Every structure is written in structure tokens, then in C-alpha cells.
């Protein structure tokens, strides 16, 4: 699609998620065709406090881990007892699922972080910029207001990531590996482009002429400067 064939024109943009090989191919082709953003192995991070249900936390982590052996799952919590509680449920879930081999390998990319307070936990999460963020705390809407970096956010214990996969209607092509810090999930803007437009009167140009002349002269771009001065002379 990126290079085209004898009968098919090359496309202008390639979008969509994939495994590490798909992502690698997209990155290699960026000099030939535009892409949306790197979207590699799936990942989830759960933000939780002592109000979180360990079984629901566990279910989110295990569900995301079954995507790919390279998937990553992270729990960031203020409750030091929660990781062990969640892990007990995870062990049982992993043993009972048909994709336990994949999940077990993904667990090697996974872990947890315990923070002293929720504000710190949210800052840690903003630094991670996860693809999927599940917020399971006492006041999830307050926490949501402090989140800056996440691909798709699932608020409250009854909003599983699987809802975004299949039914809630949000786009599920999302940036991974920290790229949510600088990229949004796939949306209509990815298929649009814009042009900037300037229209100035003589008076408008005269008001900023000195600035243009000073900077362009400092850069040694004298024709730039002259292109402004000549218009001022026309007015004279």
C-alpha cells in the first residue's frame, strides 16, 4: 500500500495498530508515506486506591495481557496491599484461561508501583502515558481531571477496556509505548490537513514591518527585509 504496484497507486497514509513487526514496518516507511503514530503491542495501566476491587483490577490486567506476549500491564496504586490481593485473583484467572501461555509471557513485561498519595500516582501515570488507562479510585472524576497523558481512559470500576474494544463507540487505534504524551488516538483530524491564511492591509503590514525587517536583517535574509520595505515605499 505504501509503495503501490503497477496497477495500484500508493496510498497517502497508513493507519492502524499491529504487533512489533507491523509497527517496525510503519516506522521504516515514514519516508515514503505518512502514518498515524506508532501503535505497537497493547498495554494497560490501572490507577487504583484502597477502594478498588482487587478482582476487577486483576481482570483488567489479565485481559490486556492476552493480546500479545509483548503486551505490558501496570498497576499504579496508593494501597500497598492491593498488588498482592490482585495477584491472587490473577493467578487463578491465568490458570483458567485458554491464552495462559501468552499472558504468562506478558507478565514478564508487567509490574506495579506503589505511591504515597494519589496526586503522585497520577503524576507517575502521566509520565508513563499508557495506551489504555483504567481509573479505579474513590473519586474517579477528580482523578480524570488531572490526567494529561493517556490514549483512552476508562473511568470507574464498571468501565472495562473491553467496552472500548467492542461496544462503547470510541476509536481504539491508540498510541503505545509512551507516545500518548504527544499523540492522540486515531480520529478524523488524522485524515484532514489545514492551510494557514494571512490577509493584511497596508496599515496592518506597516504595524509589524519593523519587527520583520529587524529579524530578517539579523538572519542575513536581506531580500526578505526588502520585500517589506518595498511595500512601504509603495505607500509613500
Protein backbone atom coordinates (compact mmCIF):
# COMPACT_ATOMS: atom_id res chain seq x y z
CA UNK A 1 0.00 0.00 0.00
CA UNK A 2 2.82 2.40 0.82
CA UNK A 3 4.77 1.75 -2.38
CA UNK A 4 1.95 0.85 -4.75
CA UNK A 5 2.05 -1.58 -7.65
CA UNK A 6 1.83 -1.34 -11.44
CA UNK A 7 -1.95 -1.10 -11.15
CA UNK A 8 -2.50 0.43 -7.68
CA UNK A 9 -1.50 3.96 -6.71
CA UNK A 10 0.44 4.32 -3.42
CA UNK A 11 -1.71 5.40 -0.50
CA UNK A 12 -1.08 8.71 1.28
CA UNK A 13 -1.32 7.39 4.82
CA UNK A 14 -1.25 4.09 6.69
CA UNK A 15 -3.11 3.80 9.99
CA UNK A 16 -3.91 1.10 12.48
CA UNK A 17 -2.36 -0.99 15.25
CA UNK A 18 -0.26 -4.12 14.99
CA UNK A 19 2.44 -6.16 16.63
CA UNK A 20 6.07 -5.12 16.86
CA UNK A 21 6.67 -6.12 13.22
CA UNK A 22 3.76 -4.03 11.93
CA UNK A 23 4.94 -1.05 13.95
CA UNK A 24 8.52 -1.52 12.74
CA UNK A 25 7.36 -1.62 9.13
CA UNK A 26 5.31 1.54 9.56
CA UNK A 27 8.27 3.40 11.05
CA UNK A 28 10.56 2.25 8.22
CA UNK A 29 8.11 3.54 5.61
CA UNK A 30 7.74 7.04 7.03
CA UNK A 31 9.94 8.49 4.29
CA UNK A 32 7.55 7.01 1.72
CA UNK A 33 4.12 7.52 3.29
CA UNK A 34 2.68 9.20 6.37
CA UNK A 35 1.46 7.10 9.31
CA UNK A 36 -0.83 7.87 12.22
CA UNK A 37 1.59 7.11 15.09
CA UNK A 38 3.49 4.12 16.47
CA UNK A 39 0.87 1.63 17.68
CA UNK A 40 2.64 -1.48 18.85
CA UNK A 41 1.92 -4.21 21.41
CA UNK A 42 -1.07 -3.38 23.57
CA UNK A 43 -0.73 -2.03 27.12
CA UNK A 44 -2.90 -1.09 30.07
CA UNK A 45 -2.30 0.80 33.28
CA UNK A 46 -4.69 0.73 36.22
CA UNK A 47 -4.78 3.67 38.64
CA UNK A 48 -6.23 2.42 41.92
CA UNK A 49 -6.56 3.25 45.60
CA UNK A 50 -7.79 1.24 48.59
CA UNK A 51 -11.38 1.47 47.35
CA UNK A 52 -10.60 -0.62 44.27
CA UNK A 53 -11.90 -4.17 43.99
CA UNK A 54 -8.81 -6.41 43.60
CA UNK A 55 -10.70 -8.83 41.37
CA UNK A 56 -11.75 -6.08 38.95
CA UNK A 57 -8.21 -4.72 38.88
CA UNK A 58 -6.91 -8.21 38.16
CA UNK A 59 -9.42 -8.72 35.35
CA UNK A 60 -8.21 -5.59 33.53
CA UNK A 61 -4.56 -6.59 33.76
CA UNK A 62 -5.15 -10.16 32.60
CA UNK A 63 -7.48 -9.12 29.78
CA UNK A 64 -4.90 -6.82 28.25
CA UNK A 65 -2.08 -9.32 28.70
CA UNK A 66 -3.80 -11.89 26.48
CA UNK A 67 -3.27 -9.72 23.38
CA UNK A 68 0.38 -10.50 22.81
CA UNK A 69 3.45 -11.84 24.65
CA UNK A 70 4.89 -8.32 24.26
CA UNK A 71 1.88 -6.67 25.93
CA UNK A 72 2.52 -4.72 29.12
CA UNK A 73 0.29 -4.33 32.18
CA UNK A 74 0.89 -1.93 35.06
CA UNK A 75 -0.81 -1.19 38.36
CA UNK A 76 -0.13 2.18 39.98
CA UNK A 77 -1.71 2.36 43.42
CA UNK A 78 -1.68 4.11 46.78
CA UNK A 79 -2.62 0.88 48.54
CA UNK A 80 0.45 -1.24 49.31
CA UNK A 81 -1.74 -4.31 49.94
CA UNK A 82 -3.54 -4.16 46.59
CA UNK A 83 -0.85 -5.71 44.35
CA UNK A 84 -0.78 -8.95 46.35
CA UNK A 85 -4.57 -9.09 46.54
CA UNK A 86 -4.89 -8.53 42.81
CA UNK A 87 -2.18 -11.07 42.03
CA UNK A 88 -4.06 -13.82 43.89
CA UNK A 89 -7.00 -13.27 41.55
CA UNK A 90 -4.72 -13.00 38.54
CA UNK A 91 -3.08 -16.36 39.25
CA UNK A 92 -6.49 -18.05 39.25
CA UNK A 93 -7.61 -16.24 36.09
CA UNK A 94 -4.41 -17.10 34.24
CA UNK A 95 -4.69 -20.78 35.10
CA UNK A 96 -8.24 -20.93 33.81
CA UNK A 97 -7.86 -19.00 30.52
CA UNK A 98 -7.05 -20.68 27.18
CA UNK A 99 -4.42 -17.99 26.40
CA UNK A 100 -2.46 -18.51 29.60
CA UNK A 101 0.84 -19.07 27.77
CA UNK A 102 0.62 -15.65 26.11
CA UNK A 103 -0.47 -13.98 29.35
CA UNK A 104 2.34 -15.59 31.32
CA UNK A 105 4.91 -14.21 28.89
CA UNK A 106 3.29 -10.76 29.01
CA UNK A 107 3.60 -10.80 32.78
CA UNK A 108 7.34 -10.52 32.24
CA UNK A 109 6.73 -7.00 30.89
CA UNK A 110 4.40 -6.08 33.73
CA UNK A 111 4.52 -4.87 37.30
CA UNK A 112 3.23 -2.40 39.85
CA UNK A 113 4.20 0.89 41.53
CA UNK A 114 3.07 1.96 45.00
CA UNK A 115 2.87 5.71 45.59
CA UNK A 116 2.46 7.69 48.82
CA UNK A 117 -0.60 9.59 47.61
CA UNK A 118 -2.95 9.80 44.66
CA UNK A 119 -1.52 13.02 43.22
CA UNK A 120 1.88 11.36 42.96
CA UNK A 121 0.30 8.26 41.44
CA UNK A 122 -1.37 10.40 38.78
CA UNK A 123 1.91 12.16 38.01
CA UNK A 124 3.59 8.77 37.63
CA UNK A 125 0.81 7.75 35.27
CA UNK A 126 1.22 10.94 33.24
CA UNK A 127 4.89 10.07 32.88
CA UNK A 128 4.05 6.59 31.65
CA UNK A 129 1.40 7.87 29.18
CA UNK A 130 -0.34 4.50 28.80
CA UNK A 131 -2.33 3.37 25.79
CA UNK A 132 -5.27 2.35 27.99
CA UNK A 133 -5.84 3.84 31.44
CA UNK A 134 -8.35 2.36 33.87
CA UNK A 135 -9.21 4.68 36.79
CA UNK A 136 -10.50 2.79 39.81
CA UNK A 137 -10.39 5.23 42.74
CA UNK A 138 -12.90 6.75 45.17
CA UNK A 139 -13.35 9.93 43.13
CA UNK A 140 -12.57 8.92 39.54
CA UNK A 141 -13.83 12.16 38.00
CA UNK A 142 -11.47 14.24 40.14
CA UNK A 143 -8.58 11.97 39.11
CA UNK A 144 -9.65 12.22 35.47
CA UNK A 145 -9.26 15.99 35.60
CA UNK A 146 -5.58 15.58 36.49
CA UNK A 147 -4.71 13.07 33.77
CA UNK A 148 -2.81 14.63 30.87
CA UNK A 149 -1.33 11.67 29.01
CA UNK A 150 -3.32 8.58 28.05
CA UNK A 151 -4.59 7.12 24.81
CA UNK A 152 -8.04 6.10 26.01
CA UNK A 153 -9.36 6.49 29.56
CA UNK A 154 -11.86 4.17 31.25
CA UNK A 155 -13.44 5.81 34.27
CA UNK A 156 -14.78 3.79 37.19
CA UNK A 157 -14.89 0.09 38.06
CA UNK A 158 -17.70 -0.70 35.61
CA UNK A 159 -15.93 0.66 32.52
CA UNK A 160 -13.72 -2.18 31.29
CA UNK A 161 -11.24 -1.62 28.49
CA UNK A 162 -13.08 -4.34 26.55
CA UNK A 163 -16.03 -1.92 26.26
CA UNK A 164 -13.82 0.37 24.19
CA UNK A 165 -12.67 -2.58 22.12
CA UNK A 166 -16.12 -3.69 21.10
CA UNK A 167 -19.10 -1.55 22.01
CA UNK A 168 -18.77 1.89 23.61
CA UNK A 169 -18.00 3.59 20.30
CA UNK A 170 -14.60 5.19 20.88
CA UNK A 171 -11.84 4.66 18.34
CA UNK A 172 -9.46 2.01 19.57
CA UNK A 173 -6.44 2.75 17.41
CA UNK A 174 -4.27 4.27 20.14
CA UNK A 175 -0.66 5.36 20.69
CA UNK A 176 1.51 2.98 22.71
CA UNK A 177 4.95 2.97 24.34
CA UNK A 178 4.56 6.44 25.84
CA UNK A 179 3.52 8.11 22.59
CA UNK A 180 0.24 9.16 24.24
CA UNK A 181 2.31 12.00 25.70
CA UNK A 182 2.46 13.58 22.24
CA UNK A 183 -0.22 11.83 20.15
CA UNK A 184 -3.98 11.38 20.34
CA UNK A 185 -5.85 8.26 19.34
CA UNK A 186 -6.86 7.96 15.70
CA UNK A 187 -9.57 10.50 14.88
CA UNK A 188 -10.97 12.39 11.91
CA UNK A 189 -8.23 15.02 12.18
CA UNK A 190 -5.69 12.39 11.09
CA UNK A 191 -7.38 12.37 7.68
CA UNK A 192 -7.50 16.13 7.31
CA UNK A 193 -4.97 18.86 6.60
CA UNK A 194 -5.20 22.60 7.01
CA UNK A 195 -3.63 25.70 5.49
CA UNK A 196 -2.89 28.92 7.34
CA UNK A 197 -4.20 32.10 5.71
CA UNK A 198 -2.97 35.67 6.11
CA UNK A 199 -4.58 38.79 4.68
CA UNK A 200 -3.12 42.19 5.59
CA UNK A 201 -3.90 45.78 4.77
CA UNK A 202 -1.14 48.34 4.17
CA UNK A 203 -1.74 49.65 7.67
CA UNK A 204 -1.51 46.16 9.11
CA UNK A 205 1.79 45.47 7.39
CA UNK A 206 3.18 48.83 8.50
CA UNK A 207 2.39 47.95 12.11
CA UNK A 208 4.69 44.90 12.07
CA UNK A 209 7.15 45.95 9.37
CA UNK A 210 9.86 46.97 11.83
CA UNK A 211 9.75 43.58 13.52
CA UNK A 212 10.07 41.74 10.20
CA UNK A 213 12.89 43.98 8.99
CA UNK A 214 14.87 43.67 12.22
CA UNK A 215 14.66 39.88 12.46
CA UNK A 216 15.22 39.19 8.75
CA UNK A 217 18.25 41.51 8.71
CA UNK A 218 19.68 39.79 11.78
CA UNK A 219 19.33 36.45 9.98
CA UNK A 220 21.07 37.85 6.91
CA UNK A 221 17.98 37.38 4.75
CA UNK A 222 18.09 40.81 3.16
CA UNK A 223 15.63 40.05 0.35
CA UNK A 224 13.06 39.20 3.00
CA UNK A 225 13.62 42.59 4.55
CA UNK A 226 13.42 44.33 1.18
CA UNK A 227 10.12 42.61 0.34
CA UNK A 228 8.62 44.50 3.26
CA UNK A 229 10.39 47.79 2.68
CA UNK A 230 9.31 47.93 -0.97
CA UNK A 231 5.68 47.78 0.07
CA UNK A 232 6.19 50.65 2.49
CA UNK A 233 7.81 52.67 -0.26
CA UNK A 234 4.83 51.99 -2.50
CA UNK A 235 2.64 53.63 0.14
CA UNK A 236 4.93 56.72 0.12
